[in-house]
């Protein structure tokens, strides 16, 4: 903070972005695809892969709100 003031900076802007961010429609569509894949999984590996992908997607769900707001 002191460095900024020393150089005459009075305010800053924070940019937020993520390649993983999706719109609500994109998120819902991808979740539906993954749930279908989970339901159709035949092998243990397919089931584990689908569950892992769903877990990763769910961790990005909080981004949906911001994606839609700044769009």
N, C-alpha and C. Protein backbone atom coordinates (compact mmCIF):
# COMPACT_ATOMS: atom_id res chain seq x y z
N UNK A 1 0.82 -1.18 0.00
CA UNK A 1 0.00 0.00 0.00
C UNK A 1 0.87 1.25 0.00
N UNK A 2 1.93 1.22 0.77
CA UNK A 2 2.81 2.39 0.84
C UNK A 2 3.48 2.65 -0.50
N UNK A 3 3.85 1.58 -1.19
CA UNK A 3 4.49 1.74 -2.49
C UNK A 3 3.56 2.41 -3.49
N UNK A 4 2.31 2.00 -3.46
CA UNK A 4 1.33 2.59 -4.37
C UNK A 4 1.16 4.09 -4.09
N UNK A 5 1.01 4.42 -2.83
CA UNK A 5 0.86 5.83 -2.45
C UNK A 5 2.09 6.64 -2.81
N UNK A 6 3.25 6.04 -2.64
CA UNK A 6 4.51 6.73 -2.95
C UNK A 6 4.61 7.06 -4.43
N UNK A 7 3.94 6.30 -5.26
CA UNK A 7 3.96 6.53 -6.71
C UNK A 7 2.70 7.25 -7.20
N UNK A 8 1.92 7.76 -6.27
CA UNK A 8 0.75 8.55 -6.65
C UNK A 8 -0.47 7.75 -7.06
N UNK A 9 -0.47 6.47 -6.77
CA UNK A 9 -1.63 5.64 -7.13
C UNK A 9 -2.71 5.83 -6.08
N UNK A 10 -3.89 6.25 -6.53
CA UNK A 10 -4.99 6.52 -5.61
C UNK A 10 -6.03 5.41 -5.59
N UNK A 11 -6.11 4.65 -6.68
CA UNK A 11 -7.07 3.55 -6.72
C UNK A 11 -6.58 2.50 -7.71
N UNK A 12 -7.15 1.33 -7.58
CA UNK A 12 -6.79 0.21 -8.47
C UNK A 12 -8.07 -0.48 -8.94
N UNK A 13 -7.93 -1.29 -9.96
CA UNK A 13 -9.03 -2.08 -10.48
C UNK A 13 -8.58 -3.54 -10.47
N UNK A 14 -9.45 -4.42 -10.03
CA UNK A 14 -9.15 -5.84 -10.01
C UNK A 14 -9.94 -6.50 -11.14
N UNK A 15 -9.23 -7.21 -11.99
CA UNK A 15 -9.88 -7.97 -13.06
C UNK A 15 -9.95 -9.41 -12.64
N UNK A 16 -11.10 -10.01 -12.83
CA UNK A 16 -11.29 -11.40 -12.47
C UNK A 16 -11.71 -12.16 -13.71
N UNK A 17 -11.12 -13.30 -13.92
CA UNK A 17 -11.52 -14.13 -15.04
C UNK A 17 -11.04 -15.55 -14.84
N UNK A 18 -11.71 -16.45 -15.50
CA UNK A 18 -11.32 -17.84 -15.42
C UNK A 18 -11.81 -18.56 -16.66
N UNK A 19 -10.95 -19.37 -17.24
CA UNK A 19 -11.35 -20.16 -18.39
C UNK A 19 -12.35 -21.23 -17.98
N UNK A 20 -12.42 -21.52 -16.70
CA UNK A 20 -13.35 -22.53 -16.21
C UNK A 20 -14.74 -21.98 -15.96
N UNK A 21 -14.89 -20.68 -15.94
CA UNK A 21 -16.19 -20.07 -15.66
C UNK A 21 -17.16 -20.38 -16.80
N UNK A 22 -18.39 -20.70 -16.42
CA UNK A 22 -19.42 -21.03 -17.39
C UNK A 22 -20.70 -20.25 -17.06
N UNK A 23 -21.50 -20.04 -18.08
CA UNK A 23 -22.82 -19.46 -17.84
C UNK A 23 -23.67 -20.53 -17.14
N UNK A 24 -24.81 -20.13 -16.61
CA UNK A 24 -25.72 -21.08 -15.95
C UNK A 24 -26.15 -22.17 -16.93
N UNK A 25 -26.46 -21.78 -18.15
CA UNK A 25 -26.89 -22.76 -19.16
C UNK A 25 -25.76 -23.74 -19.49
N UNK A 26 -24.54 -23.23 -19.64
CA UNK A 26 -23.40 -24.10 -19.93
C UNK A 26 -23.12 -25.04 -18.76
N UNK A 27 -23.18 -24.50 -17.56
CA UNK A 27 -22.94 -25.32 -16.37
C UNK A 27 -23.97 -26.44 -16.28
N UNK A 28 -25.24 -26.08 -16.41
CA UNK A 28 -26.31 -27.07 -16.30
C UNK A 28 -26.20 -28.13 -17.39
N UNK A 29 -25.87 -27.71 -18.59
CA UNK A 29 -25.72 -28.64 -19.71
C UNK A 29 -24.59 -29.63 -19.46
N UNK A 30 -23.45 -29.10 -19.00
CA UNK A 30 -22.30 -29.97 -18.73
C UNK A 30 -22.59 -30.92 -17.57
N UNK A 31 -23.27 -30.43 -16.54
CA UNK A 31 -23.62 -31.29 -15.41
C UNK A 31 -24.55 -32.41 -15.87
N UNK A 32 -25.50 -32.07 -16.72
CA UNK A 32 -26.42 -33.08 -17.25
C UNK A 32 -25.65 -34.14 -18.05
N UNK A 33 -24.69 -33.71 -18.87
CA UNK A 33 -23.87 -34.66 -19.64
C UNK A 33 -23.11 -35.60 -18.72
N UNK A 34 -22.52 -35.02 -17.68
CA UNK A 34 -21.72 -35.83 -16.77
C UNK A 34 -22.59 -36.79 -15.95
N UNK A 35 -23.75 -36.34 -15.54
CA UNK A 35 -24.65 -37.22 -14.80
C UNK A 35 -25.12 -38.37 -15.68
N UNK A 36 -25.35 -38.09 -16.95
CA UNK A 36 -25.72 -39.14 -17.90
C UNK A 36 -24.58 -40.13 -18.06
N UNK A 37 -23.37 -39.61 -18.20
CA UNK A 37 -22.20 -40.48 -18.32
C UNK A 37 -22.04 -41.34 -17.08
N UNK A 38 -22.30 -40.77 -15.92
CA UNK A 38 -22.22 -41.54 -14.68
C UNK A 38 -23.26 -42.66 -14.67
N UNK A 39 -24.46 -42.33 -15.11
CA UNK A 39 -25.53 -43.33 -15.15
C UNK A 39 -25.28 -44.43 -16.15
N UNK A 40 -24.55 -44.12 -17.20
CA UNK A 40 -24.25 -45.10 -18.25
C UNK A 40 -22.91 -45.79 -18.05
N UNK A 41 -22.20 -45.43 -16.99
CA UNK A 41 -20.88 -46.02 -16.74
C UNK A 41 -21.00 -47.53 -16.57
N UNK A 42 -20.13 -48.24 -17.26
CA UNK A 42 -20.13 -49.70 -17.20
C UNK A 42 -19.01 -50.19 -16.29
N UNK A 43 -17.85 -49.60 -16.47
CA UNK A 43 -16.70 -50.03 -15.68
C UNK A 43 -16.51 -49.13 -14.46
N UNK A 44 -15.74 -49.63 -13.53
CA UNK A 44 -15.41 -48.85 -12.33
C UNK A 44 -14.65 -47.58 -12.72
N UNK A 45 -13.77 -47.70 -13.70
CA UNK A 45 -12.97 -46.56 -14.19
C UNK A 45 -13.88 -45.49 -14.77
N UNK A 46 -14.85 -45.87 -15.57
CA UNK A 46 -15.79 -44.90 -16.15
C UNK A 46 -16.58 -44.18 -15.05
N UNK A 47 -16.99 -44.94 -14.04
CA UNK A 47 -17.73 -44.36 -12.93
C UNK A 47 -16.86 -43.37 -12.15
N UNK A 48 -15.63 -43.78 -11.86
CA UNK A 48 -14.71 -42.90 -11.14
C UNK A 48 -14.39 -41.64 -11.93
N UNK A 49 -14.20 -41.79 -13.24
CA UNK A 49 -13.90 -40.63 -14.09
C UNK A 49 -15.08 -39.65 -14.10
N UNK A 50 -16.28 -40.18 -14.23
CA UNK A 50 -17.47 -39.32 -14.24
C UNK A 50 -17.64 -38.62 -12.90
N UNK A 51 -17.46 -39.35 -11.81
CA UNK A 51 -17.58 -38.74 -10.48
C UNK A 51 -16.53 -37.66 -10.27
N UNK A 52 -15.31 -37.91 -10.74
CA UNK A 52 -14.24 -36.91 -10.61
C UNK A 52 -14.57 -35.66 -11.42
N UNK A 53 -15.07 -35.84 -12.63
CA UNK A 53 -15.42 -34.70 -13.48
C UNK A 53 -16.56 -33.89 -12.86
N UNK A 54 -17.52 -34.57 -12.27
CA UNK A 54 -18.63 -33.89 -11.59
C UNK A 54 -18.10 -33.09 -10.40
N UNK A 55 -17.19 -33.67 -9.65
CA UNK A 55 -16.62 -32.98 -8.49
C UNK A 55 -15.87 -31.72 -8.93
N UNK A 56 -15.11 -31.82 -10.01
CA UNK A 56 -14.37 -30.65 -10.52
C UNK A 56 -15.36 -29.57 -10.97
N UNK A 57 -16.38 -29.98 -11.70
CA UNK A 57 -17.38 -29.02 -12.18
C UNK A 57 -18.08 -28.34 -11.01
N UNK A 58 -18.46 -29.09 -10.02
CA UNK A 58 -19.17 -28.52 -8.86
C UNK A 58 -18.30 -27.50 -8.11
N UNK A 59 -16.99 -27.69 -8.14
CA UNK A 59 -16.09 -26.73 -7.48
C UNK A 59 -16.09 -25.38 -8.19
N UNK A 60 -16.54 -25.35 -9.45
CA UNK A 60 -16.57 -24.09 -10.21
C UNK A 60 -17.97 -23.47 -10.23
N UNK A 61 -18.91 -24.10 -9.56
CA UNK A 61 -20.30 -23.61 -9.61
C UNK A 61 -20.41 -22.17 -9.09
N UNK A 62 -19.61 -21.79 -8.12
CA UNK A 62 -19.67 -20.44 -7.56
C UNK A 62 -19.33 -19.38 -8.60
N UNK A 63 -18.62 -19.76 -9.67
CA UNK A 63 -18.25 -18.80 -10.71
C UNK A 63 -19.43 -18.40 -11.60
N UNK A 64 -20.45 -19.26 -11.65
CA UNK A 64 -21.61 -19.02 -12.52
C UNK A 64 -22.24 -17.66 -12.23
N UNK A 65 -22.43 -17.37 -10.98
CA UNK A 65 -23.06 -16.10 -10.59
C UNK A 65 -22.29 -14.90 -11.17
N UNK A 66 -20.98 -14.94 -11.07
CA UNK A 66 -20.16 -13.84 -11.53
C UNK A 66 -20.05 -13.80 -13.05
N UNK A 67 -20.02 -14.96 -13.68
CA UNK A 67 -19.98 -15.02 -15.14
C UNK A 67 -21.20 -14.30 -15.72
N UNK A 68 -22.35 -14.62 -15.17
CA UNK A 68 -23.58 -14.02 -15.68
C UNK A 68 -23.68 -12.53 -15.35
N UNK A 69 -23.10 -12.09 -14.23
CA UNK A 69 -23.17 -10.67 -13.86
C UNK A 69 -22.29 -9.78 -14.73
N UNK A 70 -21.13 -10.26 -15.11
CA UNK A 70 -20.18 -9.42 -15.83
C UNK A 70 -20.28 -9.56 -17.34
N UNK A 71 -21.11 -10.42 -17.76
CA UNK A 71 -21.24 -10.66 -19.19
C UNK A 71 -21.93 -9.57 -19.90
